[in-house]
Protein backbone atom coordinates (compact mmCIF):
# COMPACT_ATOMS: atom_id res chain seq x y z
CA UNK A 1 0.00 0.00 0.00
CA UNK A 2 1.28 3.46 -0.90
CA UNK A 3 0.75 6.20 1.68
CA UNK A 4 0.43 9.70 0.28
CA UNK A 5 2.33 12.60 1.76
CA UNK A 6 0.33 14.73 4.15
CA UNK A 7 0.92 18.27 5.33
CA UNK A 8 -0.42 20.00 8.41
CA UNK A 9 0.20 23.11 10.57
CA UNK A 10 1.04 22.97 14.24
CA UNK A 11 -1.26 24.14 17.03
CA UNK A 12 -0.28 27.80 16.79
CA UNK A 13 0.44 27.92 13.05
CA UNK A 14 4.19 28.37 13.46
CA UNK A 15 5.37 25.05 12.05
CA UNK A 16 4.45 23.22 8.87
CA UNK A 17 5.72 19.75 8.04
CA UNK A 18 4.99 17.12 5.42
CA UNK A 19 4.85 13.42 6.25
CA UNK A 20 5.96 11.22 3.37
CA UNK A 21 7.63 7.87 2.72
CA UNK A 22 11.38 7.86 3.27
CA UNK A 23 13.54 7.98 0.13
CA UNK A 24 17.30 7.25 -0.27
CA UNK A 25 18.25 10.93 -0.05
CA UNK A 26 16.79 11.15 3.48
CA UNK A 27 19.27 8.77 5.09
CA UNK A 28 21.76 11.43 6.27
CA UNK A 29 19.04 13.55 7.89
CA UNK A 30 17.39 10.51 9.46
CA UNK A 31 20.64 9.26 10.97
CA UNK A 32 21.38 12.74 12.33
CA UNK A 33 17.94 12.81 13.95
CA UNK A 34 18.40 9.33 15.41
CA UNK A 35 21.83 10.29 16.78
CA UNK A 36 20.31 13.31 18.59
CA UNK A 37 17.42 11.29 20.05
CA UNK A 38 19.75 8.41 21.00
CA UNK A 39 22.12 10.82 22.78
CA UNK A 40 19.18 12.22 24.75
CA UNK A 41 17.99 8.76 25.81
CA UNK A 42 21.56 7.61 26.44
CA UNK A 43 22.11 10.48 28.86
CA UNK A 44 18.90 9.60 30.75
CA UNK A 45 19.85 5.92 30.87
CA UNK A 46 23.38 6.73 32.00
CA UNK A 47 22.02 8.80 34.89
CA UNK A 48 19.65 5.96 35.80
CA UNK A 49 22.49 3.43 35.77
CA UNK A 50 24.74 5.35 38.19
CA UNK A 51 21.83 5.43 40.65
CA UNK A 52 21.25 1.69 40.50
CA UNK A 53 21.97 -0.19 43.79
CA UNK A 54 24.47 -2.54 42.15
CA UNK A 55 26.47 0.42 40.78
CA UNK A 56 26.45 2.23 44.14
CA UNK A 57 27.48 -1.01 45.87
CA UNK A 58 30.33 -1.45 43.40
CA UNK A 59 31.53 2.09 44.06
CA UNK A 60 31.26 1.58 47.81
CA UNK A 61 33.25 -1.66 47.73
CA UNK A 62 35.90 -0.10 45.53
CA UNK A 63 36.15 2.91 47.83
CA UNK A 64 36.52 0.68 50.89
CA UNK A 65 39.22 -1.46 49.26
CA UNK A 66 41.20 1.58 48.15
CA UNK A 67 40.90 3.14 51.60
CA UNK A 68 42.22 0.00 53.28
CA UNK A 69 45.03 -0.58 50.80
CA UNK A 70 46.21 3.05 50.60
CA UNK A 71 45.55 3.87 54.26
CA UNK A 72 44.42 7.28 53.09
CA UNK A 73 41.17 8.94 52.12
CA UNK A 74 42.69 11.22 49.50
CA UNK A 75 43.37 8.58 46.83
CA UNK A 76 39.96 6.86 47.15
CA UNK A 77 38.20 10.22 46.97
CA UNK A 78 40.14 11.20 43.85
CA UNK A 79 39.39 7.84 42.22
CA UNK A 80 35.71 8.10 43.14
CA UNK A 81 35.48 11.61 41.73
CA UNK A 82 37.18 10.46 38.53
CA UNK A 83 34.84 7.51 38.15
CA UNK A 84 31.78 9.70 38.60
CA UNK A 85 33.15 12.34 36.22
CA UNK A 86 34.06 9.85 33.51
CA UNK A 87 31.70 6.97 34.22
CA UNK A 88 28.37 8.65 33.59
CA UNK A 89 29.34 10.17 30.20
CA UNK A 90 30.88 6.83 29.21
CA UNK A 91 27.71 4.96 30.17
CA UNK A 92 25.61 7.57 28.36
CA UNK A 93 27.67 7.09 25.20
CA UNK A 94 27.38 3.30 25.38
CA UNK A 95 23.62 3.49 25.83
CA UNK A 96 23.30 6.07 23.05
CA UNK A 97 25.05 3.69 20.64
CA UNK A 98 22.78 0.86 21.78
CA UNK A 99 19.62 2.96 21.32
CA UNK A 100 20.75 4.25 17.92
CA UNK A 101 21.53 0.74 16.72
CA UNK A 102 18.12 -0.51 17.87
CA UNK A 103 16.22 2.36 16.25
CA UNK A 104 18.24 2.00 13.03
CA UNK A 105 17.29 -1.67 12.63
CA UNK A 106 16.24 -2.22 9.03
CA UNK A 107 17.27 1.30 7.99
CA UNK A 108 19.28 1.00 4.77
CA UNK A 109 20.53 -2.46 5.75
CA UNK A 110 21.39 -4.74 2.84
CA UNK A 111 18.88 -7.54 2.60
CA UNK A 112 16.62 -6.14 5.33
CA UNK A 113 12.99 -6.94 4.55
CA UNK A 114 9.69 -6.31 6.27
CA UNK A 115 10.45 -2.66 7.16
CA UNK A 116 8.93 0.62 6.01
CA UNK A 117 9.86 4.16 7.10
CA UNK A 118 8.31 7.63 6.85
CA UNK A 119 9.77 11.06 7.59
CA UNK A 120 8.34 14.41 8.63
CA UNK A 121 9.93 17.10 6.50
CA UNK A 122 10.06 20.80 7.37
CA UNK A 123 9.43 23.52 4.79
CA UNK A 124 13.20 23.90 4.30
CA UNK A 125 13.49 20.21 3.42
CA UNK A 126 15.10 19.11 6.69
CA UNK A 127 13.99 15.91 8.43
CA UNK A 128 12.39 16.74 11.79
CA UNK A 129 10.79 13.39 12.60
CA UNK A 130 10.57 9.78 11.51
CA UNK A 131 8.74 6.55 12.20
CA UNK A 132 8.94 2.98 10.99
CA UNK A 133 6.98 -0.23 10.88
CA UNK A 134 8.26 -3.81 10.89
CA UNK A 135 6.76 -7.21 10.28
CA UNK A 136 5.51 -6.47 6.76
CA UNK A 137 4.98 -9.64 4.77
CA UNK A 138 5.81 -11.88 7.73
CA UNK A 139 3.56 -14.37 9.48
CA UNK A 140 3.04 -12.61 12.81
CA UNK A 141 -0.64 -13.43 13.39
CA UNK A 142 -1.79 -10.22 11.74
CA UNK A 143 0.56 -8.05 13.80
CA UNK A 144 2.68 -5.10 12.66
CA UNK A 145 5.07 -3.22 14.95
CA UNK A 146 5.41 0.54 15.12
CA UNK A 147 9.04 1.38 15.83
CA UNK A 148 11.71 4.09 15.64
CA UNK A 149 9.35 6.99 16.38
CA UNK A 150 11.62 10.00 16.74
CA UNK A 151 10.97 13.76 16.71
CA UNK A 152 13.66 16.41 17.08
CA UNK A 153 13.60 18.12 20.52
CA UNK A 154 12.84 21.55 19.06
CA UNK A 155 9.87 20.23 17.07
CA UNK A 156 8.05 18.36 19.83
CA UNK A 157 4.64 19.44 21.04
CA UNK A 158 3.50 20.50 17.55
CA UNK A 159 1.68 17.34 16.46
CA UNK A 160 4.58 15.87 14.47
CA UNK A 161 4.61 12.58 16.38
CA UNK A 162 0.83 12.29 16.10
CA UNK A 163 0.90 12.77 12.32
CA UNK A 164 3.66 10.17 11.94
CA UNK A 165 1.71 7.63 14.01
CA UNK A 166 -1.48 8.30 12.05
CA UNK A 167 0.33 7.58 8.78
CA UNK A 168 1.56 4.26 10.17
CA UNK A 169 -1.94 3.36 11.42
CA UNK A 170 -3.40 4.21 8.01
CA UNK A 171 -0.79 1.99 6.37
CA UNK A 172 -1.57 -0.85 8.78
CA UNK A 173 -5.32 -0.57 8.12
CA UNK A 174 -4.64 -0.93 4.42
CA UNK A 175 -2.34 -3.93 4.85
CA UNK A 176 -4.13 -7.23 4.07
CA UNK A 177 -4.44 -9.46 7.13
CA UNK A 178 -3.21 -6.86 9.62
CA UNK A 179 -5.39 -6.94 12.73
CA UNK A 180 -3.29 -5.21 15.39
CA UNK A 181 -0.48 -2.68 15.70
CA UNK A 182 1.98 -3.08 18.58
CA UNK A 183 4.88 -1.07 19.98
CA UNK A 184 7.29 -1.28 22.90
CA UNK A 185 8.02 1.67 25.18
CA UNK A 186 9.30 2.44 28.67
CA UNK A 187 9.11 5.11 31.37
CA UNK A 188 11.60 7.41 29.64
CA UNK A 189 9.00 7.74 26.86
CA UNK A 190 6.21 9.00 29.12
CA UNK A 191 5.14 11.90 26.82
CA UNK A 192 4.91 9.47 23.91
CA UNK A 193 2.88 7.06 26.03
CA UNK A 194 0.18 9.72 26.41
CA UNK A 195 0.17 10.12 22.64
CA UNK A 196 -0.16 6.37 22.08
CA UNK A 197 -3.07 6.15 24.52
CA UNK A 198 -4.90 9.00 22.75
CA UNK A 199 -4.51 7.14 19.44
CA UNK A 200 -6.19 4.00 20.77
CA UNK A 201 -3.21 1.97 21.99
CA UNK A 202 -3.69 0.01 25.22
CA UNK A 203 -0.77 -0.99 27.48
CA UNK A 204 -0.05 -4.51 28.62
CA UNK A 205 1.75 -5.35 31.88
CA UNK A 206 5.31 -3.94 32.08
CA UNK A 207 8.10 -6.48 32.12
CA UNK A 208 11.87 -6.34 32.41
CA UNK A 209 13.78 -7.07 29.22
CA UNK A 210 15.26 -10.59 29.49
CA UNK A 211 18.69 -9.30 28.51
CA UNK A 212 21.84 -8.25 30.32
CA UNK A 213 21.26 -4.63 29.33
CA UNK A 214 17.70 -4.88 30.65
CA UNK A 215 19.03 -6.04 34.02
CA UNK A 216 21.65 -3.29 34.15
CA UNK A 217 19.20 -0.48 33.46
CA UNK A 218 16.24 -2.01 35.34
CA UNK A 219 13.95 -0.36 32.81
CA UNK A 220 10.64 -2.22 32.47
CA UNK A 221 9.25 -2.29 28.93
CA UNK A 222 5.52 -2.00 28.21
CA UNK A 223 3.98 -3.38 25.02
CA UNK A 224 1.07 -1.35 23.67
CA UNK A 225 -1.59 -2.86 21.38
CA UNK A 226 -4.01 -1.13 19.02
CA UNK A 227 -6.77 -3.25 17.43
CA UNK A 228 -7.38 -2.02 13.90
CA UNK A 229 -10.75 -3.60 13.12
CA UNK A 230 -13.68 -1.21 13.47
CA UNK A 231 -11.58 1.73 14.74
CA UNK A 232 -11.96 5.37 13.74
CA UNK A 233 -8.88 6.50 15.64
CA UNK A 234 -7.72 9.16 13.19
CA UNK A 235 -11.09 10.92 13.22
CA UNK A 236 -11.77 10.69 16.94
CA UNK A 237 -8.34 11.31 18.46
CA UNK A 238 -7.89 14.62 20.29
CA UNK A 239 -5.64 17.31 18.86
CA UNK A 240 -2.15 17.87 20.16
CA UNK A 241 0.50 15.34 21.10
CA UNK A 242 4.14 15.17 20.11
């Protein structure tokens, strides 16, 4: 199914964007957008990690060992200050790379199938938002996944995220056999969660990712579902959103 480009103004008429399918020339702008969003999430995740009990326990044990071995408080304090000064940015960078890799899944990858992406383009031609869908053409019990929703920080709150999601929902409704749209999100995406709820998505129970990174961050993931049969979400959803 082909989705036509759509244009719309923001709530106060100051911003106009056009949502359209992604084309090869958009890749640089999309990757720049993903890098900015990933850095933002990476910073939040890095801060969360240094507050985790296991990290604080590790710092405490290291401080105690250094204090005993050096018989001085100066060296342990200097080491602790260095770890805190360097550790958080390092963790933020690691998480940013992880987030960017996850959001870039299927983006320009050779042989990647089952993905489709759209961008929100400003009047000057710059990419200010993007969204993707996965699971196209695969046997997933009529399920497509909304993924990689990203809007530049300076363009949030103007309806860009809502328009991107509506394009994906329209695509899903026109896909033969598609019965439900799903997406995964977590507490760091709380503004987006309000948007998803207003579009007809319903959350399931949160669960911890069964991965090492999931344990380290202790960041429960919630899967949202939106049944597509008999919905009029685009017409009935309230204005606003990301």
